[in-house]
Amino acid sequence: MGRDYYAILEINRNAIDADIKKAYRRLALKHHPRSNSHARAAERFNLLAEAFDVLSDPRKKATYDKFGEEGLKGGIPSELGVNGAWSSGYVYHGNADETFRQFFGGDNPFADFFTGDGNEVNAAFESLRGRKEKLQDPPIERDLHLALEDLYYGCTKKIKISRRVMNEDGHTSSIRDKILTFTVKAGWNEGTRITFPKEGDQGPNNIPADIVFVIRQKNHPRFVRQNDDLFYTEHISLEKALTGFSVEVETLDGRLLNIPINDIVHPQYTKVVSGEGMPLSNSPSKRGDLIIRFITHFPEKLSAEKKKLLRGALSTKVIHSS
């Protein structure tokens, strides 16, 4: 008869994974040589580690349940194997401290689990575990690109994230999806940050990171935004620059503005239309300005006659007083 790994862990053969982990946690702390001076504590500690190594692995456990320790360690012929079973001979690595360390985490988990004199081991573990300060992971930042119309009207956005979440047993984790919903306020500027506290990956020894979305504004075909103002560029001929014209601008909310330009458009000239820019985020009823800039296109060449006409039209007589 081989070893009874279930008896070593003091569980029945119907135990589930959570029961196996719970049993190993309790017994490994109880029989660790640092906390138990009994002569056979080290042997017991090693047996616990080997039993846990086998029963916590589905393939090893399947072979052990069907063929016992002899079949597990001696190997089984492929024609006798079961789906997913461990068909080659199993050899425990023999490092019970490594199994203990991998289970509890950390390079020196023992230091956090026991009191200085080694007494009240399980109570000390729970107490120190509760008092140990957890550090929060650094924030996870992601850019969120929005259309200018989204920032003009405001909107609601939903973003699906995948994150690691601790299972009910408190030791294992799985990847799960979650929908994060938030409202974009009218007038928000590029660089606005939306923070979802502690929505990062969960772990037994950490505080999940905050997830931060940073607003980035997509390029717009008509407007360039600067703070609360919108800039619009109109291309005009030299004739219009000198004689006047009207500019039609379709606004972000679909209105068509007809703006007369009666001034001479020189290279530094701009037309400011008050209240037709972006809404102010702290006062949505108020708006910035629409600022129209102009690019004047000059003719590539002029006939002699047109040059003469222009000279006459643009020349200025100077009247001398006697």
C-alpha atoms as a PDB file:
ATOM      1  CA  MET A   1       0.000   0.000   0.000  1.00  0.00           C
ATOM      2  CA  GLY A   2       1.282   3.450  -0.863  1.00  0.00           C
ATOM      3  CA  ARG A   3       0.848   6.722   0.992  1.00  0.00           C
ATOM      4  CA  ASP A   4      -2.646   8.046   1.546  1.00  0.00           C
ATOM      5  CA  TYR A   5      -2.295  11.713   0.582  1.00  0.00           C
ATOM      6  CA  TYR A   6      -5.874  12.411   1.635  1.00  0.00           C
ATOM      7  CA  ALA A   7      -5.218  11.095   5.143  1.00  0.00           C
ATOM      8  CA  ILE A   8      -1.997  13.096   5.369  1.00  0.00           C
ATOM      9  CA  LEU A   9      -3.987  16.287   4.682  1.00  0.00           C
ATOM     10  CA  GLU A  10      -6.802  15.059   6.963  1.00  0.00           C
ATOM     11  CA  ILE A  11      -9.489  15.332   4.263  1.00  0.00           C
ATOM     12  CA  ASN A  12     -11.785  12.832   2.561  1.00  0.00           C
ATOM     13  CA  ARG A  13     -11.491  11.697  -1.045  1.00  0.00           C
ATOM     14  CA  ASN A  14     -14.409  13.895  -2.122  1.00  0.00           C
ATOM     15  CA  ALA A  15     -12.561  17.072  -1.115  1.00  0.00           C
ATOM     16  CA  ILE A  16     -12.595  19.857  -3.671  1.00  0.00           C
ATOM     17  CA  ASP A  17      -9.684  22.147  -4.543  1.00  0.00           C
ATOM     18  CA  ALA A  18     -10.655  24.751  -1.951  1.00  0.00           C
ATOM     19  CA  ASP A  19     -10.726  22.050   0.762  1.00  0.00           C
ATOM     20  CA  ILE A  20      -7.249  20.844  -0.256  1.00  0.00           C
ATOM     21  CA  LYS A  21      -5.810  24.355  -0.070  1.00  0.00           C
ATOM     22  CA  LYS A  22      -7.492  25.057   3.254  1.00  0.00           C
ATOM     23  CA  ALA A  23      -6.156  21.835   4.769  1.00  0.00           C
ATOM     24  CA  TYR A  24      -2.606  22.443   3.571  1.00  0.00           C
ATOM     25  CA  ARG A  25      -2.677  26.017   4.862  1.00  0.00           C
ATOM     26  CA  ARG A  26      -3.740  24.915   8.346  1.00  0.00           C
ATOM     27  CA  LEU A  27      -1.436  21.917   8.658  1.00  0.00           C
ATOM     28  CA  ALA A  28       1.649  23.472   7.030  1.00  0.00           C
ATOM     29  CA  LEU A  29       1.525  26.337   9.520  1.00  0.00           C
ATOM     30  CA  LYS A  30       0.947  23.948  12.402  1.00  0.00           C
ATOM     31  CA  HIS A  31       3.772  21.543  11.535  1.00  0.00           C
ATOM     32  CA  HIS A  32       6.376  23.923  10.148  1.00  0.00           C
ATOM     33  CA  PRO A  33       9.700  23.073  11.858  1.00  0.00           C
ATOM     34  CA  ARG A  34      10.112  26.707  12.940  1.00  0.00           C
ATOM     35  CA  SER A  35       6.877  26.528  14.921  1.00  0.00           C
ATOM     36  CA  ASN A  36       6.904  22.892  16.018  1.00  0.00           C
ATOM     37  CA  SER A  37       9.792  21.417  18.002  1.00  0.00           C
ATOM     38  CA  HIS A  38       8.545  17.826  17.758  1.00  0.00           C
ATOM     39  CA  ALA A  39      11.200  15.463  16.446  1.00  0.00           C
ATOM     40  CA  ARG A  40       9.063  14.357  13.525  1.00  0.00           C
ATOM     41  CA  ALA A  41       7.807  17.853  12.571  1.00  0.00           C
ATOM     42  CA  ALA A  42      10.151  18.105   9.574  1.00  0.00           C
ATOM     43  CA  GLU A  43       9.047  14.703   8.264  1.00  0.00           C
ATOM     44  CA  ARG A  44       5.395  15.624   8.700  1.00  0.00           C
ATOM     45  CA  PHE A  45       5.996  18.984   6.998  1.00  0.00           C
ATOM     46  CA  ASN A  46       7.607  17.240   4.000  1.00  0.00           C
ATOM     47  CA  LEU A  47       4.727  14.756   3.685  1.00  0.00           C
ATOM     48  CA  LEU A  48       2.206  17.604   3.720  1.00  0.00           C
ATOM     49  CA  ALA A  49       4.073  19.383   0.925  1.00  0.00           C
ATOM     50  CA  GLU A  50       4.209  16.240  -1.235  1.00  0.00           C
ATOM     51  CA  ALA A  51       0.514  15.478  -0.638  1.00  0.00           C
ATOM     52  CA  PHE A  52      -0.441  19.013  -1.574  1.00  0.00           C
ATOM     53  CA  ASP A  53       1.781  18.955  -4.686  1.00  0.00           C
ATOM     54  CA  VAL A  54      -0.076  15.857  -5.922  1.00  0.00           C
ATOM     55  CA  LEU A  55      -3.658  16.643  -4.952  1.00  0.00           C
ATOM     56  CA  SER A  56      -3.583  20.285  -6.084  1.00  0.00           C
ATOM     57  CA  ASP A  57      -2.602  19.242  -9.634  1.00  0.00           C
ATOM     58  CA  PRO A  58      -5.591  17.801 -11.586  1.00  0.00           C
ATOM     59  CA  ARG A  59      -3.406  15.481 -13.737  1.00  0.00           C
ATOM     60  CA  LYS A  60      -1.436  14.067 -10.840  1.00  0.00           C
ATOM     61  CA  LYS A  61      -4.577  13.745  -8.752  1.00  0.00           C
ATOM     62  CA  ALA A  62      -6.414  11.875 -11.533  1.00  0.00           C
ATOM     63  CA  THR A  63      -3.601   9.329 -11.812  1.00  0.00           C
ATOM     64  CA  TYR A  64      -3.281   8.961  -8.026  1.00  0.00           C
ATOM     65  CA  ASP A  65      -7.043   8.481  -7.566  1.00  0.00           C
ATOM     66  CA  LYS A  66      -7.068   5.663 -10.160  1.00  0.00           C
ATOM     67  CA  PHE A  67      -3.708   3.960  -9.612  1.00  0.00           C
ATOM     68  CA  GLY A  68      -2.493   5.086  -6.170  1.00  0.00           C
ATOM     69  CA  GLU A  69       1.021   6.189  -5.228  1.00  0.00           C
ATOM     70  CA  GLU A  70       2.658   3.227  -6.984  1.00  0.00           C
ATOM     71  CA  GLY A  71       0.971   3.997 -10.287  1.00  0.00           C
ATOM     72  CA  LEU A  72       1.681   7.705  -9.922  1.00  0.00           C
ATOM     73  CA  LYS A  73       5.399   7.280  -9.222  1.00  0.00           C
ATOM     74  CA  GLY A  74       6.007   4.215 -11.351  1.00  0.00           C
ATOM     75  CA  GLY A  75       4.241   5.509 -14.415  1.00  0.00           C
ATOM     76  CA  ILE A  76       1.341   3.803 -16.163  1.00  0.00           C
ATOM     77  CA  PRO A  77       1.156   2.278 -19.659  1.00  0.00           C
ATOM     78  CA  SER A  78      -0.475   4.653 -22.156  1.00  0.00           C
ATOM     79  CA  GLU A  79      -3.205   2.122 -22.938  1.00  0.00           C
ATOM     80  CA  LEU A  80      -4.302   2.236 -19.285  1.00  0.00           C
ATOM     81  CA  GLY A  81      -4.188   6.009 -19.014  1.00  0.00           C
ATOM     82  CA  VAL A  82      -7.163   8.212 -18.439  1.00  0.00           C
ATOM     83  CA  ASN A  83      -7.768  11.483 -20.198  1.00  0.00           C
ATOM     84  CA  GLY A  84      -5.471  14.147 -18.794  1.00  0.00           C
ATOM     85  CA  ALA A  85      -3.730  11.676 -16.442  1.00  0.00           C
ATOM     86  CA  TRP A  86      -0.067  11.794 -15.457  1.00  0.00           C
ATOM     87  CA  SER A  87       1.303   8.909 -17.515  1.00  0.00           C
ATOM     88  CA  SER A  88       5.031   9.344 -16.798  1.00  0.00           C
ATOM     89  CA  GLY A  89       6.567   8.585 -13.412  1.00  0.00           C
ATOM     90  CA  TYR A  90       6.093  11.322 -10.822  1.00  0.00           C
ATOM     91  CA  VAL A  91       8.980  12.431  -8.631  1.00  0.00           C
ATOM     92  CA  TYR A  92       8.431  15.028  -5.926  1.00  0.00           C
ATOM     93  CA  HIS A  93      11.145  17.686  -6.030  1.00  0.00           C
ATOM     94  CA  GLY A  94      11.649  17.261  -2.281  1.00  0.00           C
ATOM     95  CA  ASN A  95      11.780  20.950  -1.369  1.00  0.00           C
ATOM     96  CA  ALA A  96       8.965  21.400   1.134  1.00  0.00           C
ATOM     97  CA  ASP A  97      10.059  24.981   1.856  1.00  0.00           C
ATOM     98  CA  GLU A  98       9.667  25.847  -1.846  1.00  0.00           C
ATOM     99  CA  THR A  99       6.135  24.393  -1.902  1.00  0.00           C
ATOM    100  CA  PHE A 100       5.358  26.402   1.245  1.00  0.00           C
ATOM    101  CA  ARG A 101       6.824  29.583  -0.298  1.00  0.00           C
ATOM    102  CA  GLN A 102       4.936  29.191  -3.588  1.00  0.00           C
ATOM    103  CA  PHE A 103       1.664  28.647  -1.758  1.00  0.00           C
ATOM    104  CA  PHE A 104       1.923  31.616   0.593  1.00  0.00           C
ATOM    105  CA  GLY A 105       3.938  33.925  -1.666  1.00  0.00           C
ATOM    106  CA  GLY A 106       7.031  36.006  -0.941  1.00  0.00           C
ATOM    107  CA  ASP A 107      10.698  35.206  -0.586  1.00  0.00           C
ATOM    108  CA  ASN A 108      10.402  34.830   3.177  1.00  0.00           C
ATOM    109  CA  PRO A 109       6.760  34.086   3.972  1.00  0.00           C
ATOM    110  CA  PHE A 110       7.678  32.512   7.304  1.00  0.00           C
ATOM    111  CA  ALA A 111       8.582  35.912   8.743  1.00  0.00           C
ATOM    112  CA  ASP A 112       5.020  37.125   8.302  1.00  0.00           C
ATOM    113  CA  PHE A 113       3.317  34.006   9.641  1.00  0.00           C
ATOM    114  CA  PHE A 114       4.846  33.363  13.068  1.00  0.00           C
ATOM    115  CA  THR A 115       5.557  35.109  16.333  1.00  0.00           C
ATOM    116  CA  GLY A 116       9.107  35.364  17.589  1.00  0.00           C
ATOM    117  CA  ASP A 117       8.753  32.459  20.016  1.00  0.00           C
ATOM    118  CA  GLY A 118       6.874  30.255  17.557  1.00  0.00           C
ATOM    119  CA  ASN A 119       3.767  29.978  19.740  1.00  0.00           C
ATOM    120  CA  GLU A 120       0.143  30.376  18.636  1.00  0.00           C
ATOM    121  CA  VAL A 121       1.171  29.811  15.044  1.00  0.00           C
ATOM    122  CA  ASN A 122      -2.217  29.907  13.332  1.00  0.00           C
ATOM    123  CA  ALA A 123      -3.458  32.836  15.409  1.00  0.00           C
ATOM    124  CA  ALA A 124      -0.239  34.716  14.740  1.00  0.00           C
ATOM    125  CA  PHE A 125      -0.561  34.118  11.034  1.00  0.00           C
ATOM    126  CA  GLU A 126      -4.098  35.490  10.887  1.00  0.00           C
ATOM    127  CA  SER A 127      -3.196  38.455  13.077  1.00  0.00           C
ATOM    128  CA  LEU A 128      -0.089  39.450  11.156  1.00  0.00           C
ATOM    129  CA  ARG A 129      -1.829  38.865   7.866  1.00  0.00           C
ATOM    130  CA  GLY A 130      -4.524  41.335   8.884  1.00  0.00           C
ATOM    131  CA  ARG A 131      -2.024  43.945  10.106  1.00  0.00           C
ATOM    132  CA  LYS A 132       0.396  43.733   7.179  1.00  0.00           C
ATOM    133  CA  GLU A 133       0.175  46.935   5.201  1.00  0.00           C
ATOM    134  CA  LYS A 134      -0.808  46.401   1.579  1.00  0.00           C
ATOM    135  CA  LEU A 135       0.553  48.707  -1.079  1.00  0.00           C
ATOM    136  CA  GLN A 136      -1.567  49.934  -3.953  1.00  0.00           C
ATOM    137  CA  ASP A 137      -0.386  49.239  -7.484  1.00  0.00           C
ATOM    138  CA  PRO A 138       0.477  52.363  -9.524  1.00  0.00           C
ATOM    139  CA  PRO A 139      -2.386  53.884 -11.570  1.00  0.00           C
ATOM    140  CA  ILE A 140      -3.102  52.447 -15.014  1.00  0.00           C
ATOM    141  CA  GLU A 141      -3.587  55.279 -17.515  1.00  0.00           C
ATOM    142  CA  ARG A 142      -5.285  54.922 -20.888  1.00  0.00           C
ATOM    143  CA  ASP A 143      -6.045  57.584 -23.508  1.00  0.00           C
ATOM    144  CA  LEU A 144      -9.710  57.982 -24.458  1.00  0.00           C
ATOM    145  CA  HIS A 145     -10.137  59.600 -27.878  1.00  0.00           C
ATOM    146  CA  LEU A 146     -13.400  61.541 -28.291  1.00  0.00           C
ATOM    147  CA  ALA A 147     -14.901  63.487 -31.175  1.00  0.00           C
ATOM    148  CA  LEU A 148     -15.239  67.245 -30.773  1.00  0.00           C
ATOM    149  CA  GLU A 149     -19.026  66.812 -30.956  1.00  0.00           C
ATOM    150  CA  ASP A 150     -18.891  64.513 -27.891  1.00  0.00           C
ATOM    151  CA  LEU A 151     -17.120  67.259 -25.965  1.00  0.00           C
ATOM    152  CA  TYR A 152     -19.510  69.918 -27.282  1.00  0.00           C
ATOM    153  CA  TYR A 153     -22.741  68.149 -26.276  1.00  0.00           C
ATOM    154  CA  GLY A 154     -21.510  65.825 -23.537  1.00  0.00           C
ATOM    155  CA  CYS A 155     -22.242  62.101 -23.686  1.00  0.00           C
ATOM    156  CA  THR A 156     -22.227  58.805 -21.804  1.00  0.00           C
ATOM    157  CA  LYS A 157     -19.483  56.294 -22.527  1.00  0.00           C
ATOM    158  CA  LYS A 158     -19.202  52.603 -21.672  1.00  0.00           C
ATOM    159  CA  ILE A 159     -15.844  50.847 -21.767  1.00  0.00           C
ATOM    160  CA  LYS A 160     -15.267  47.113 -21.264  1.00  0.00           C
ATOM    161  CA  ILE A 161     -12.156  46.145 -19.329  1.00  0.00           C
ATOM    162  CA  SER A 162     -10.718  42.730 -18.469  1.00  0.00           C
ATOM    163  CA  ARG A 163      -9.102  42.356 -15.082  1.00  0.00           C
ATOM    164  CA  ARG A 164      -7.923  39.664 -12.677  1.00  0.00           C
ATOM    165  CA  VAL A 165     -10.362  39.056  -9.817  1.00  0.00           C
ATOM    166  CA  MET A 166      -9.786  36.935  -6.706  1.00  0.00           C
ATOM    167  CA  ASN A 167     -12.001  33.876  -6.412  1.00  0.00           C
ATOM    168  CA  GLU A 168     -14.025  33.057  -3.318  1.00  0.00           C
ATOM    169  CA  ASP A 169     -11.306  30.779  -1.937  1.00  0.00           C
ATOM    170  CA  GLY A 170      -9.072  33.841  -1.494  1.00  0.00           C
ATOM    171  CA  HIS A 171      -6.057  32.149  -3.129  1.00  0.00           C
ATOM    172  CA  THR A 172      -6.818  31.711  -6.818  1.00  0.00           C
ATOM    173  CA  SER A 173      -7.941  34.258  -9.372  1.00  0.00           C
ATOM    174  CA  SER A 174      -9.590  34.456 -12.782  1.00  0.00           C
ATOM    175  CA  ILE A 175      -9.972  36.966 -15.607  1.00  0.00           C
ATOM    176  CA  ARG A 176     -13.363  38.660 -15.787  1.00  0.00           C
ATOM    177  CA  ASP A 177     -14.845  41.436 -17.900  1.00  0.00           C
ATOM    178  CA  LYS A 178     -16.456  44.546 -16.454  1.00  0.00           C
ATOM    179  CA  ILE A 179     -18.261  47.510 -18.026  1.00  0.00           C
ATOM    180  CA  LEU A 180     -17.193  50.940 -16.749  1.00  0.00           C
ATOM    181  CA  THR A 181     -19.746  53.711 -17.374  1.00  0.00           C
ATOM    182  CA  PHE A 182     -19.156  57.432 -17.014  1.00  0.00           C
ATOM    183  CA  THR A 183     -20.602  60.754 -18.197  1.00  0.00           C
ATOM    184  CA  VAL A 184     -18.561  63.173 -20.309  1.00  0.00           C
ATOM    185  CA  LYS A 185     -19.616  66.725 -19.419  1.00  0.00           C
ATOM    186  CA  ALA A 186     -20.107  69.349 -22.117  1.00  0.00           C
ATOM    187  CA  GLY A 187     -17.012  71.494 -22.463  1.00  0.00           C
ATOM    188  CA  TRP A 188     -14.469  69.081 -20.991  1.00  0.00           C
ATOM    189  CA  ASN A 189     -10.964  69.883 -22.195  1.00  0.00           C
ATOM    190  CA  GLU A 190      -8.322  67.574 -23.507  1.00  0.00           C
ATOM    191  CA  GLY A 191      -6.360  66.140 -20.593  1.00  0.00           C
ATOM    192  CA  THR A 192      -9.395  65.769 -18.316  1.00  0.00           C
ATOM    193  CA  ARG A 193      -8.915  62.627 -16.195  1.00  0.00           C
ATOM    194  CA  ILE A 194     -11.633  60.152 -15.210  1.00  0.00           C
ATOM    195  CA  THR A 195     -10.598  57.868 -12.339  1.00  0.00           C
ATOM    196  CA  PHE A 196     -12.127  54.512 -11.417  1.00  0.00           C
ATOM    197  CA  PRO A 197     -10.684  53.678  -7.978  1.00  0.00           C
ATOM    198  CA  LYS A 198      -9.280  50.166  -7.409  1.00  0.00           C
ATOM    199  CA  GLU A 199     -10.550  48.653 -10.672  1.00  0.00           C
ATOM    200  CA  GLY A 200      -7.169  47.127 -11.583  1.00  0.00           C
ATOM    201  CA  ASP A 201      -6.054  43.519 -11.090  1.00  0.00           C
ATOM    202  CA  GLN A 202      -6.785  42.045  -7.687  1.00  0.00           C
ATOM    203  CA  GLY A 203      -4.269  39.981  -5.738  1.00  0.00           C
ATOM    204  CA  PRO A 204      -3.939  38.554  -2.233  1.00  0.00           C
ATOM    205  CA  ASN A 205      -1.171  40.968  -1.242  1.00  0.00           C
ATOM    206  CA  ASN A 206      -1.979  44.187  -3.086  1.00  0.00           C
ATOM    207  CA  ILE A 207      -4.499  46.992  -3.331  1.00  0.00           C
ATOM    208  CA  PRO A 208      -5.782  47.109  -6.944  1.00  0.00           C
ATOM    209  CA  ALA A 209      -4.612  50.008  -9.064  1.00  0.00           C
ATOM    210  CA  ASP A 210      -6.862  52.902 -10.015  1.00  0.00           C
ATOM    211  CA  ILE A 211      -7.789  52.957 -13.701  1.00  0.00           C
ATOM    212  CA  VAL A 212      -7.506  56.448 -15.185  1.00  0.00           C
ATOM    213  CA  PHE A 213      -8.838  57.492 -18.586  1.00  0.00           C
ATOM    214  CA  VAL A 214      -7.328  60.665 -20.056  1.00  0.00           C
ATOM    215  CA  ILE A 215      -9.460  62.603 -22.543  1.00  0.00           C
ATOM    216  CA  ARG A 216      -7.830  63.056 -25.954  1.00  0.00           C
ATOM    217  CA  GLN A 217      -9.581  65.065 -28.655  1.00  0.00           C
ATOM    218  CA  LYS A 218      -9.811  63.705 -32.188  1.00  0.00           C
ATOM    219  CA  ASN A 219      -8.949  65.983 -35.108  1.00  0.00           C
ATOM    220  CA  HIS A 220     -11.983  67.743 -36.580  1.00  0.00           C
ATOM    221  CA  PRO A 221     -12.449  68.474 -40.302  1.00  0.00           C
ATOM    222  CA  ARG A 222     -13.579  72.094 -39.739  1.00  0.00           C
ATOM    223  CA  PHE A 223     -12.469  73.349 -36.354  1.00  0.00           C
ATOM    224  CA  VAL A 224      -9.354  73.557 -34.234  1.00  0.00           C
ATOM    225  CA  ARG A 225     -10.015  73.948 -30.532  1.00  0.00           C
ATOM    226  CA  GLN A 226      -7.962  76.088 -28.165  1.00  0.00           C
ATOM    227  CA  ASN A 227      -9.402  75.982 -24.636  1.00  0.00           C
ATOM    228  CA  ASP A 228     -12.999  77.244 -25.048  1.00  0.00           C
ATOM    229  CA  ASP A 229     -12.521  78.875 -28.472  1.00  0.00           C
ATOM    230  CA  LEU A 230     -13.004  77.310 -31.898  1.00  0.00           C
ATOM    231  CA  PHE A 231     -10.817  78.360 -34.822  1.00  0.00           C
ATOM    232  CA  TYR A 232     -12.086  78.138 -38.378  1.00  0.00           C
ATOM    233  CA  THR A 233      -9.991  78.819 -41.501  1.00  0.00           C
ATOM    234  CA  GLU A 234     -11.502  80.352 -44.654  1.00  0.00           C
ATOM    235  CA  HIS A 235      -9.691  80.499 -47.985  1.00  0.00           C
ATOM    236  CA  ILE A 236     -10.425  83.672 -50.019  1.00  0.00           C
ATOM    237  CA  SER A 237      -9.270  85.429 -53.147  1.00  0.00           C
ATOM    238  CA  LEU A 238      -7.419  88.743 -53.171  1.00  0.00           C
ATOM    239  CA  GLU A 239     -10.531  90.355 -54.635  1.00  0.00           C
ATOM    240  CA  LYS A 240     -12.609  89.294 -51.639  1.00  0.00           C
ATOM    241  CA  ALA A 241      -9.895  90.348 -49.230  1.00  0.00           C
ATOM    242  CA  LEU A 242     -10.057  93.871 -50.636  1.00  0.00           C
ATOM    243  CA  THR A 243     -13.742  94.286 -51.433  1.00  0.00           C
ATOM    244  CA  GLY A 244     -15.669  92.354 -48.784  1.00  0.00           C
ATOM    245  CA  PHE A 245     -17.684  89.118 -48.744  1.00  0.00           C
ATOM    246  CA  SER A 246     -19.621  86.760 -46.445  1.00  0.00           C
ATOM    247  CA  VAL A 247     -18.435  83.559 -44.753  1.00  0.00           C
ATOM    248  CA  GLU A 248     -20.750  80.598 -44.158  1.00  0.00           C
ATOM    249  CA  VAL A 249     -19.806  78.395 -41.205  1.00  0.00           C
ATOM    250  CA  GLU A 250     -21.671  75.244 -40.180  1.00  0.00           C
ATOM    251  CA  THR A 251     -21.587  75.010 -36.384  1.00  0.00           C
ATOM    252  CA  LEU A 252     -21.138  71.840 -34.330  1.00  0.00           C
ATOM    253  CA  ASP A 253     -24.867  71.820 -33.568  1.00  0.00           C
ATOM    254  CA  GLY A 254     -25.812  72.037 -37.270  1.00  0.00           C
ATOM    255  CA  ARG A 255     -26.661  75.721 -37.632  1.00  0.00           C
ATOM    256  CA  LEU A 256     -25.399  77.708 -40.635  1.00  0.00           C
ATOM    257  CA  LEU A 257     -23.900  81.063 -39.728  1.00  0.00           C
ATOM    258  CA  ASN A 258     -23.644  83.769 -42.393  1.00  0.00           C
ATOM    259  CA  ILE A 259     -20.974  86.210 -41.274  1.00  0.00           C
ATOM    260  CA  PRO A 260     -20.375  89.433 -43.292  1.00  0.00           C
ATOM    261  CA  ILE A 261     -16.763  90.626 -43.632  1.00  0.00           C
ATOM    262  CA  ASN A 262     -16.690  94.335 -44.483  1.00  0.00           C
ATOM    263  CA  ASP A 263     -13.121  95.021 -43.395  1.00  0.00           C
ATOM    264  CA  ILE A 264     -10.052  94.667 -45.582  1.00  0.00           C
ATOM    265  CA  VAL A 265      -8.553  91.293 -44.774  1.00  0.00           C
ATOM    266  CA  HIS A 266      -4.855  91.816 -44.083  1.00  0.00           C
ATOM    267  CA  PRO A 267      -2.487  88.958 -43.118  1.00  0.00           C
ATOM    268  CA  GLN A 268      -3.085  89.362 -39.353  1.00  0.00           C
ATOM    269  CA  TYR A 269      -6.822  89.902 -39.603  1.00  0.00           C
ATOM    270  CA  THR A 270      -9.254  87.640 -37.726  1.00  0.00           C
ATOM    271  CA  LYS A 271     -13.000  87.817 -37.268  1.00  0.00           C
ATOM    272  CA  VAL A 272     -14.304  87.044 -33.768  1.00  0.00           C
ATOM    273  CA  VAL A 273     -17.878  85.785 -33.412  1.00  0.00           C
ATOM    274  CA  SER A 274     -18.738  85.876 -29.713  1.00  0.00           C
ATOM    275  CA  GLY A 275     -20.548  82.982 -28.039  1.00  0.00           C
ATOM    276  CA  GLU A 276     -20.149  80.455 -30.876  1.00  0.00           C
ATOM    277  CA  GLY A 277     -17.292  78.427 -29.369  1.00  0.00           C
ATOM    278  CA  MET A 278     -17.279  75.507 -26.927  1.00  0.00           C
ATOM    279  CA  PRO A 279     -19.480  75.454 -23.817  1.00  0.00           C
ATOM    280  CA  LEU A 280     -17.658  76.236 -20.576  1.00  0.00           C
ATOM    281  CA  SER A 281     -17.432  73.074 -18.479  1.00  0.00           C
ATOM    282  CA  ASN A 282     -18.107  74.984 -15.235  1.00  0.00           C
ATOM    283  CA  SER A 283     -20.934  77.033 -16.821  1.00  0.00           C
ATOM    284  CA  PRO A 284     -22.424  75.163 -19.831  1.00  0.00           C
ATOM    285  CA  SER A 285     -24.845  77.988 -20.648  1.00  0.00           C
ATOM    286  CA  LYS A 286     -21.873  80.180 -21.595  1.00  0.00           C
ATOM    287  CA  ARG A 287     -19.631  79.615 -24.593  1.00  0.00           C
ATOM    288  CA  GLY A 288     -16.263  80.646 -25.907  1.00  0.00           C
ATOM    289  CA  ASP A 289     -15.770  82.398 -29.240  1.00  0.00           C
ATOM    290  CA  LEU A 290     -15.593  81.348 -32.866  1.00  0.00           C
ATOM    291  CA  ILE A 291     -12.471  82.881 -34.398  1.00  0.00           C
ATOM    292  CA  ILE A 292     -12.199  82.937 -38.185  1.00  0.00           C
ATOM    293  CA  ARG A 293      -8.767  83.100 -39.764  1.00  0.00           C
ATOM    294  CA  PHE A 294      -8.180  83.770 -43.455  1.00  0.00           C
ATOM    295  CA  ILE A 295      -5.763  82.548 -46.071  1.00  0.00           C
ATOM    296  CA  THR A 296      -5.663  84.894 -49.076  1.00  0.00           C
ATOM    297  CA  HIS A 297      -4.778  83.422 -52.448  1.00  0.00           C
ATOM    298  CA  PHE A 298      -3.009  85.843 -54.800  1.00  0.00           C
ATOM    299  CA  PRO A 299      -3.284  85.586 -58.604  1.00  0.00           C
ATOM    300  CA  GLU A 300      -0.312  83.897 -60.226  1.00  0.00           C
ATOM    301  CA  LYS A 301      -0.023  86.618 -62.921  1.00  0.00           C
ATOM    302  CA  LEU A 302      -1.727  89.793 -64.163  1.00  0.00           C
ATOM    303  CA  SER A 303      -1.965  91.320 -67.614  1.00  0.00           C
ATOM    304  CA  ALA A 304      -0.490  94.791 -68.209  1.00  0.00           C
ATOM    305  CA  GLU A 305      -3.978  96.229 -68.487  1.00  0.00           C
ATOM    306  CA  LYS A 306      -5.077  94.789 -65.136  1.00  0.00           C
ATOM    307  CA  LYS A 307      -1.907  96.060 -63.487  1.00  0.00           C
ATOM    308  CA  LYS A 308      -2.659  99.547 -64.839  1.00  0.00           C
ATOM    309  CA  LEU A 309      -6.220  99.393 -63.536  1.00  0.00           C
ATOM    310  CA  LEU A 310      -5.032  98.227 -60.118  1.00  0.00           C
ATOM    311  CA  ARG A 311      -2.465 101.013 -59.914  1.00  0.00           C
ATOM    312  CA  GLY A 312      -5.160 103.544 -60.677  1.00  0.00           C
ATOM    313  CA  ALA A 313      -7.578 102.040 -58.201  1.00  0.00           C
ATOM    314  CA  LEU A 314      -5.061 101.678 -55.401  1.00  0.00           C
ATOM    315  CA  SER A 315      -3.059 104.841 -55.909  1.00  0.00           C
ATOM    316  CA  THR A 316      -3.519 107.588 -53.312  1.00  0.00           C
ATOM    317  CA  LYS A 317      -3.292 111.233 -54.254  1.00  0.00           C
ATOM    318  CA  VAL A 318      -1.356 113.419 -51.877  1.00  0.00           C
ATOM    319  CA  ILE A 319      -2.661 117.006 -51.748  1.00  0.00           C
ATOM    320  CA  HIS A 320      -0.023 119.569 -50.940  1.00  0.00           C
ATOM    321  CA  SER A 321      -1.130 122.729 -49.178  1.00  0.00           C
ATOM    322  CA  SER A 322       0.469 126.034 -50.110  1.00  0.00           C
END
